[in-house]
Amino acid sequence: MTTLGKGFTTSLTVTVTEEHLASRLDIDAGERFPNVLSTPWLIAHLERAAAKALHPLLQDGQLSVGSRVVFDHFAPTPLGATFTAYAKFTGMEGPLYLFDLWAEDAGGAIGKGTHARAVVPGVAVEKRAAKRLGQTA
């Protein structure tokens, strides 16, 4: 099994598209969100960067899942702009892989935080989800 060294960093560069916009979250009459990168999409891409770091460690049937995100999104990124999501491995907490996260666009920093991921059997996640709701996987 491969291991990660502290400080190992991965990144993804993404262009903000219509689907990434906070305005897509307008679901009730009267709600209004701006036409900028939404926090959920920013976090999704940061999780992807962390998952990318763990990919070489995965054995057949395994995947990595996020278990915790603490994040501050403090600057807007407009439609059509690109941003880069970074994940830096900082160590272990029991079975959890810990990461520092940050993102930048052409104007500078747009957010930062921390993230924890676990490596688990993929089938176990789906079975657990189904069991919680009284279903079979």
N, C-alpha and C. Protein backbone atom coordinates (compact mmCIF):
# COMPACT_ATOMS: atom_id res chain seq x y z
N MET A 1 0.85 -1.20 0.00
CA MET A 1 0.00 0.00 0.00
C MET A 1 0.89 1.25 0.00
N THR A 2 0.56 2.17 -0.82
CA THR A 2 1.28 3.44 -0.90
C THR A 2 0.85 4.33 0.27
N THR A 3 1.73 5.20 0.72
CA THR A 3 1.36 6.15 1.76
C THR A 3 1.57 7.57 1.25
N LEU A 4 0.93 8.50 1.92
CA LEU A 4 1.09 9.91 1.57
C LEU A 4 2.09 10.55 2.53
N GLY A 5 2.94 11.38 2.01
CA GLY A 5 3.83 12.16 2.87
C GLY A 5 3.16 13.45 3.27
N LYS A 6 3.42 13.88 4.51
CA LYS A 6 2.87 15.17 4.94
C LYS A 6 3.31 16.25 3.97
N GLY A 7 2.37 17.09 3.62
CA GLY A 7 2.66 18.17 2.68
C GLY A 7 2.33 17.83 1.24
N PHE A 8 2.03 16.54 0.96
CA PHE A 8 1.66 16.16 -0.41
C PHE A 8 0.43 16.96 -0.81
N THR A 9 0.51 17.63 -1.96
CA THR A 9 -0.55 18.54 -2.39
C THR A 9 -1.04 18.19 -3.79
N THR A 10 -2.35 18.21 -3.96
CA THR A 10 -2.96 18.01 -5.27
C THR A 10 -3.84 19.22 -5.57
N SER A 11 -4.15 19.39 -6.85
CA SER A 11 -4.99 20.53 -7.23
C SER A 11 -5.82 20.19 -8.45
N LEU A 12 -6.88 20.95 -8.63
CA LEU A 12 -7.75 20.87 -9.80
C LEU A 12 -8.05 22.30 -10.24
N THR A 13 -7.98 22.56 -11.52
CA THR A 13 -8.37 23.86 -12.03
C THR A 13 -9.69 23.70 -12.76
N VAL A 14 -10.63 24.56 -12.40
CA VAL A 14 -12.01 24.44 -12.87
C VAL A 14 -12.49 25.79 -13.41
N THR A 15 -13.26 25.76 -14.48
CA THR A 15 -13.92 26.96 -15.00
C THR A 15 -15.35 26.98 -14.48
N VAL A 16 -15.76 28.11 -13.93
CA VAL A 16 -17.12 28.25 -13.39
C VAL A 16 -18.12 28.25 -14.54
N THR A 17 -19.03 27.27 -14.51
CA THR A 17 -20.08 27.15 -15.52
C THR A 17 -21.43 27.49 -14.88
N GLU A 18 -22.46 27.52 -15.70
CA GLU A 18 -23.82 27.82 -15.22
C GLU A 18 -24.22 26.91 -14.06
N GLU A 19 -23.88 25.62 -14.16
CA GLU A 19 -24.30 24.68 -13.10
C GLU A 19 -23.65 24.98 -11.76
N HIS A 20 -22.51 25.67 -11.75
CA HIS A 20 -21.79 25.98 -10.51
C HIS A 20 -22.32 27.22 -9.79
N LEU A 21 -23.22 27.96 -10.41
CA LEU A 21 -23.65 29.24 -9.87
C LEU A 21 -24.57 29.12 -8.67
N ALA A 22 -24.38 30.02 -7.71
CA ALA A 22 -25.26 30.07 -6.55
C ALA A 22 -26.70 30.34 -6.97
N SER A 23 -26.89 31.10 -8.05
CA SER A 23 -28.25 31.42 -8.51
C SER A 23 -29.03 30.17 -8.90
N ARG A 24 -28.34 29.08 -9.18
CA ARG A 24 -29.02 27.81 -9.48
C ARG A 24 -29.69 27.23 -8.23
N LEU A 25 -29.36 27.78 -7.07
CA LEU A 25 -29.96 27.30 -5.82
C LEU A 25 -31.29 27.97 -5.52
N ASP A 26 -31.71 28.93 -6.33
CA ASP A 26 -33.01 29.59 -6.16
C ASP A 26 -34.11 28.55 -6.35
N ILE A 27 -34.72 28.11 -5.27
CA ILE A 27 -35.75 27.07 -5.41
C ILE A 27 -37.13 27.52 -4.95
N ASP A 28 -37.20 28.56 -4.15
CA ASP A 28 -38.48 29.07 -3.71
C ASP A 28 -38.70 30.46 -4.28
N ALA A 29 -39.95 30.76 -4.57
CA ALA A 29 -40.28 32.10 -5.08
C ALA A 29 -39.74 33.15 -4.11
N GLY A 30 -39.11 34.15 -4.65
CA GLY A 30 -38.59 35.22 -3.82
C GLY A 30 -37.15 35.04 -3.38
N GLU A 31 -36.61 33.83 -3.50
CA GLU A 31 -35.20 33.63 -3.16
C GLU A 31 -34.34 34.23 -4.25
N ARG A 32 -33.21 34.77 -3.86
CA ARG A 32 -32.31 35.36 -4.85
C ARG A 32 -30.88 35.10 -4.41
N PHE A 33 -30.14 34.42 -5.25
CA PHE A 33 -28.73 34.16 -5.01
C PHE A 33 -27.95 34.73 -6.19
N PRO A 34 -26.69 35.12 -5.97
CA PRO A 34 -25.91 35.76 -7.04
C PRO A 34 -25.40 34.80 -8.10
N ASN A 35 -25.05 35.35 -9.24
CA ASN A 35 -24.48 34.58 -10.35
C ASN A 35 -22.96 34.45 -10.17
N VAL A 36 -22.57 33.79 -9.09
CA VAL A 36 -21.16 33.53 -8.78
C VAL A 36 -21.04 32.07 -8.33
N LEU A 37 -19.80 31.58 -8.26
CA LEU A 37 -19.54 30.22 -7.80
C LEU A 37 -20.20 29.98 -6.45
N SER A 38 -20.99 28.91 -6.36
CA SER A 38 -21.65 28.59 -5.10
C SER A 38 -20.69 27.87 -4.16
N THR A 39 -20.94 28.03 -2.87
CA THR A 39 -20.12 27.35 -1.86
C THR A 39 -20.20 25.83 -2.00
N PRO A 40 -21.39 25.24 -2.22
CA PRO A 40 -21.43 23.78 -2.37
C PRO A 40 -20.55 23.26 -3.51
N TRP A 41 -20.55 23.98 -4.64
CA TRP A 41 -19.71 23.53 -5.76
C TRP A 41 -18.23 23.74 -5.47
N LEU A 42 -17.89 24.82 -4.80
CA LEU A 42 -16.49 25.04 -4.43
C LEU A 42 -16.02 23.90 -3.54
N ILE A 43 -16.81 23.55 -2.54
CA ILE A 43 -16.43 22.46 -1.64
C ILE A 43 -16.37 21.13 -2.38
N ALA A 44 -17.28 20.90 -3.31
CA ALA A 44 -17.24 19.64 -4.08
C ALA A 44 -15.92 19.51 -4.82
N HIS A 45 -15.44 20.59 -5.42
CA HIS A 45 -14.17 20.52 -6.16
C HIS A 45 -12.98 20.39 -5.21
N LEU A 46 -13.06 20.98 -4.04
CA LEU A 46 -12.01 20.79 -3.04
C LEU A 46 -11.98 19.34 -2.56
N GLU A 47 -13.15 18.74 -2.37
CA GLU A 47 -13.20 17.32 -2.01
C GLU A 47 -12.60 16.47 -3.12
N ARG A 48 -12.87 16.82 -4.37
CA ARG A 48 -12.27 16.09 -5.50
C ARG A 48 -10.75 16.17 -5.45
N ALA A 49 -10.21 17.33 -5.09
CA ALA A 49 -8.75 17.48 -5.01
C ALA A 49 -8.19 16.56 -3.92
N ALA A 50 -8.86 16.48 -2.78
CA ALA A 50 -8.41 15.59 -1.71
C ALA A 50 -8.54 14.12 -2.13
N ALA A 51 -9.64 13.78 -2.78
CA ALA A 51 -9.84 12.40 -3.26
C ALA A 51 -8.75 12.03 -4.26
N LYS A 52 -8.35 12.98 -5.08
CA LYS A 52 -7.28 12.75 -6.06
C LYS A 52 -5.99 12.35 -5.35
N ALA A 53 -5.71 12.96 -4.20
CA ALA A 53 -4.50 12.62 -3.44
C ALA A 53 -4.55 11.18 -2.94
N LEU A 54 -5.74 10.70 -2.60
CA LEU A 54 -5.88 9.35 -2.04
C LEU A 54 -6.00 8.27 -3.11
N HIS A 55 -6.28 8.65 -4.33
CA HIS A 55 -6.51 7.67 -5.39
C HIS A 55 -5.42 6.60 -5.50
N PRO A 56 -4.13 6.96 -5.43
CA PRO A 56 -3.09 5.93 -5.55
C PRO A 56 -3.08 4.92 -4.40
N LEU A 57 -3.71 5.24 -3.28
CA LEU A 57 -3.74 4.34 -2.13
C LEU A 57 -4.85 3.30 -2.23
N LEU A 58 -5.83 3.53 -3.08
CA LEU A 58 -7.01 2.68 -3.14
C LEU A 58 -6.71 1.33 -3.75
N GLN A 59 -7.24 0.30 -3.09
CA GLN A 59 -7.17 -1.06 -3.62
C GLN A 59 -8.50 -1.36 -4.30
N ASP A 60 -8.56 -2.48 -5.02
CA ASP A 60 -9.80 -2.85 -5.71
C ASP A 60 -10.99 -2.81 -4.76
N GLY A 61 -12.06 -2.16 -5.18
CA GLY A 61 -13.28 -2.09 -4.40
C GLY A 61 -13.30 -0.99 -3.36
N GLN A 62 -12.20 -0.28 -3.18
CA GLN A 62 -12.15 0.80 -2.20
C GLN A 62 -12.42 2.14 -2.86
N LEU A 63 -12.89 3.07 -2.04
CA LEU A 63 -13.02 4.45 -2.46
C LEU A 63 -12.80 5.32 -1.25
N SER A 64 -12.65 6.61 -1.48
CA SER A 64 -12.51 7.51 -0.33
C SER A 64 -13.79 8.32 -0.21
N VAL A 65 -14.16 8.57 1.04
CA VAL A 65 -15.37 9.34 1.33
C VAL A 65 -15.03 10.48 2.28
N GLY A 66 -15.68 11.59 2.08
CA GLY A 66 -15.50 12.72 2.98
C GLY A 66 -16.28 12.52 4.25
N SER A 67 -15.69 12.91 5.38
CA SER A 67 -16.40 12.78 6.65
C SER A 67 -16.53 14.11 7.39
N ARG A 68 -15.72 15.09 6.99
CA ARG A 68 -15.81 16.39 7.68
C ARG A 68 -15.23 17.47 6.76
N VAL A 69 -15.92 18.61 6.73
CA VAL A 69 -15.43 19.79 6.02
C VAL A 69 -15.70 21.00 6.91
N VAL A 70 -14.67 21.79 7.16
CA VAL A 70 -14.80 23.07 7.85
C VAL A 70 -14.20 24.09 6.90
N PHE A 71 -15.02 25.03 6.42
CA PHE A 71 -14.55 25.86 5.32
C PHE A 71 -15.13 27.26 5.38
N ASP A 72 -14.31 28.24 5.05
CA ASP A 72 -14.73 29.63 4.90
C ASP A 72 -14.61 30.02 3.43
N HIS A 73 -15.72 30.45 2.85
CA HIS A 73 -15.75 30.91 1.45
C HIS A 73 -15.92 32.41 1.53
N PHE A 74 -14.86 33.17 1.24
CA PHE A 74 -14.89 34.59 1.54
C PHE A 74 -14.75 35.53 0.35
N ALA A 75 -14.68 34.99 -0.87
CA ALA A 75 -14.61 35.88 -2.04
C ALA A 75 -15.35 35.25 -3.21
N PRO A 76 -16.12 36.05 -3.97
CA PRO A 76 -16.89 35.52 -5.09
C PRO A 76 -16.04 35.32 -6.35
N THR A 77 -16.42 34.31 -7.13
CA THR A 77 -15.79 34.04 -8.43
C THR A 77 -16.90 34.02 -9.48
N PRO A 78 -16.77 34.84 -10.54
CA PRO A 78 -17.86 34.97 -11.52
C PRO A 78 -17.91 33.84 -12.55
N LEU A 79 -19.03 33.75 -13.21
CA LEU A 79 -19.24 32.83 -14.33
C LEU A 79 -18.13 33.02 -15.36
N GLY A 80 -17.55 31.91 -15.82
CA GLY A 80 -16.53 31.95 -16.85
C GLY A 80 -15.11 32.05 -16.33
N ALA A 81 -14.95 32.44 -15.07
CA ALA A 81 -13.60 32.54 -14.49
C ALA A 81 -13.12 31.15 -14.10
N THR A 82 -11.81 31.00 -13.98
CA THR A 82 -11.25 29.74 -13.50
C THR A 82 -10.77 29.93 -12.08
N PHE A 83 -10.80 28.83 -11.34
CA PHE A 83 -10.24 28.80 -9.99
C PHE A 83 -9.50 27.48 -9.82
N THR A 84 -8.60 27.46 -8.87
CA THR A 84 -7.86 26.23 -8.57
C THR A 84 -8.16 25.83 -7.14
N ALA A 85 -8.54 24.57 -6.97
CA ALA A 85 -8.82 23.98 -5.66
C ALA A 85 -7.61 23.14 -5.25
N TYR A 86 -7.11 23.37 -4.04
CA TYR A 86 -5.93 22.68 -3.53
C TYR A 86 -6.27 21.86 -2.29
N ALA A 87 -5.62 20.71 -2.16
CA ALA A 87 -5.73 19.88 -0.96
C ALA A 87 -4.33 19.43 -0.57
N LYS A 88 -3.93 19.75 0.67
CA LYS A 88 -2.60 19.36 1.17
C LYS A 88 -2.77 18.40 2.33
N PHE A 89 -2.18 17.20 2.21
CA PHE A 89 -2.25 16.20 3.27
C PHE A 89 -1.45 16.68 4.47
N THR A 90 -2.10 16.65 5.66
CA THR A 90 -1.43 17.13 6.88
C THR A 90 -1.21 16.05 7.92
N GLY A 91 -1.80 14.86 7.75
CA GLY A 91 -1.60 13.80 8.73
C GLY A 91 -2.84 12.94 8.88
N MET A 92 -2.78 12.09 9.91
CA MET A 92 -3.86 11.14 10.17
C MET A 92 -4.50 11.44 11.52
N GLU A 93 -5.78 11.13 11.62
CA GLU A 93 -6.53 11.16 12.87
C GLU A 93 -7.26 9.83 12.94
N GLY A 94 -6.62 8.82 13.56
CA GLY A 94 -7.17 7.46 13.49
C GLY A 94 -7.17 7.03 12.03
N PRO A 95 -8.33 6.58 11.53
CA PRO A 95 -8.40 6.14 10.13
C PRO A 95 -8.60 7.28 9.12
N LEU A 96 -8.71 8.50 9.61
CA LEU A 96 -9.02 9.63 8.74
C LEU A 96 -7.77 10.31 8.20
N TYR A 97 -7.80 10.62 6.92
CA TYR A 97 -6.75 11.39 6.27
C TYR A 97 -7.16 12.86 6.35
N LEU A 98 -6.28 13.70 6.88
CA LEU A 98 -6.60 15.11 7.09
C LEU A 98 -5.94 15.98 6.02
N PHE A 99 -6.68 16.99 5.59
CA PHE A 99 -6.21 17.89 4.54
C PHE A 99 -6.47 19.34 4.91
N ASP A 100 -5.54 20.20 4.53
CA ASP A 100 -5.81 21.64 4.47
C ASP A 100 -6.32 21.90 3.06
N LEU A 101 -7.37 22.71 2.96
CA LEU A 101 -7.97 23.06 1.68
C LEU A 101 -7.85 24.56 1.46
N TRP A 102 -7.66 24.96 0.21
CA TRP A 102 -7.76 26.36 -0.14
C TRP A 102 -8.05 26.46 -1.63
N ALA A 103 -8.57 27.61 -2.01
CA ALA A 103 -8.88 27.83 -3.43
C ALA A 103 -8.52 29.27 -3.78
N GLU A 104 -8.10 29.43 -5.04
CA GLU A 104 -7.69 30.74 -5.55
C GLU A 104 -8.23 30.94 -6.95
N ASP A 105 -8.56 32.19 -7.27
CA ASP A 105 -8.85 32.56 -8.65
C ASP A 105 -7.87 33.66 -9.05
N ALA A 106 -8.05 34.28 -10.19
CA ALA A 106 -7.11 35.29 -10.66
C ALA A 106 -7.00 36.48 -9.71
N GLY A 107 -8.01 36.69 -8.89
CA GLY A 107 -8.01 37.80 -7.94
C GLY A 107 -7.39 37.47 -6.60
N GLY A 108 -7.02 36.19 -6.38
CA GLY A 108 -6.42 35.79 -5.11
C GLY A 108 -7.21 34.70 -4.42
N ALA A 109 -7.05 34.62 -3.11
CA ALA A 109 -7.69 33.57 -2.31
C ALA A 109 -9.21 33.77 -2.30
N ILE A 110 -9.94 32.64 -2.42
CA ILE A 110 -11.41 32.71 -2.35
C ILE A 110 -11.96 31.91 -1.18
N GLY A 111 -11.12 31.04 -0.58
CA GLY A 111 -11.59 30.27 0.56
C GLY A 111 -10.50 29.38 1.11
N LYS A 112 -10.71 28.93 2.37
CA LYS A 112 -9.77 28.00 2.98
C LYS A 112 -10.47 27.23 4.09
N GLY A 113 -9.91 26.05 4.41
CA GLY A 113 -10.49 25.24 5.47
C GLY A 113 -9.76 23.93 5.64
N THR A 114 -10.46 22.98 6.26
CA THR A 114 -9.90 21.65 6.51
C THR A 114 -10.90 20.59 6.09
N HIS A 115 -10.39 19.38 5.91
CA HIS A 115 -11.22 18.28 5.41
C HIS A 115 -10.66 16.96 5.93
N ALA A 116 -11.54 16.01 6.19
CA ALA A 116 -11.14 14.66 6.59
C ALA A 116 -11.80 13.66 5.66
N ARG A 117 -11.03 12.64 5.25
CA ARG A 117 -11.54 11.58 4.37
C ARG A 117 -11.14 10.23 4.94
N ALA A 118 -11.93 9.21 4.63
CA ALA A 118 -11.62 7.84 5.00
C ALA A 118 -11.58 6.98 3.75
N VAL A 119 -10.75 5.95 3.77
CA VAL A 119 -10.71 4.96 2.70
C VAL A 119 -11.53 3.77 3.18
N VAL A 120 -12.55 3.41 2.40
CA VAL A 120 -13.50 2.37 2.81
C VAL A 120 -13.86 1.48 1.62
N PRO A 121 -14.42 0.28 1.91
CA PRO A 121 -14.96 -0.53 0.81
C PRO A 121 -16.19 0.18 0.22
N GLY A 122 -16.23 0.35 -1.09
CA GLY A 122 -17.33 1.05 -1.73
C GLY A 122 -18.68 0.44 -1.44
N VAL A 123 -18.76 -0.87 -1.46
CA VAL A 123 -20.02 -1.57 -1.20
C VAL A 123 -20.53 -1.29 0.21
N ALA A 124 -19.62 -1.14 1.17
CA ALA A 124 -20.02 -0.90 2.55
C ALA A 124 -20.77 0.43 2.70
N VAL A 125 -20.36 1.43 1.97
CA VAL A 125 -21.01 2.74 2.05
C VAL A 125 -22.45 2.63 1.55
N GLU A 126 -22.64 1.98 0.43
CA GLU A 126 -23.99 1.85 -0.13
C GLU A 126 -24.88 0.98 0.76
N LYS A 127 -24.32 -0.09 1.32
CA LYS A 127 -25.10 -0.94 2.23
C LYS A 127 -25.50 -0.17 3.48
N ARG A 128 -24.57 0.60 4.02
CA ARG A 128 -24.87 1.38 5.22
C ARG A 128 -25.96 2.41 4.94
N ALA A 129 -25.89 3.06 3.79
CA ALA A 129 -26.90 4.06 3.43
C ALA A 129 -28.28 3.40 3.31
N ALA A 130 -28.34 2.26 2.66
CA ALA A 130 -29.62 1.55 2.50
C ALA A 130 -30.16 1.08 3.84
N LYS A 131 -29.28 0.54 4.69
CA LYS A 131 -29.69 0.02 5.99
C LYS A 131 -30.27 1.12 6.87
N ARG A 132 -29.68 2.30 6.81
CA ARG A 132 -30.18 3.43 7.60
C ARG A 132 -31.63 3.73 7.28
N LEU A 133 -32.05 3.48 6.04
CA LEU A 133 -33.41 3.80 5.61
C LEU A 133 -34.29 2.56 5.48
N GLY A 134 -33.80 1.44 6.02
CA GLY A 134 -34.59 0.21 5.97
C GLY A 134 -34.71 -0.39 4.59
N GLN A 135 -33.74 -0.12 3.73
CA GLN A 135 -33.76 -0.64 2.36
C GLN A 135 -32.68 -1.71 2.23
N THR A 136 -32.71 -2.41 1.11
CA THR A 136 -31.63 -3.35 0.82
C THR A 136 -30.82 -2.79 -0.34
N ALA A 137 -29.51 -3.01 -0.25
CA ALA A 137 -28.63 -2.48 -1.30
C ALA A 137 -28.52 -3.45 -2.45
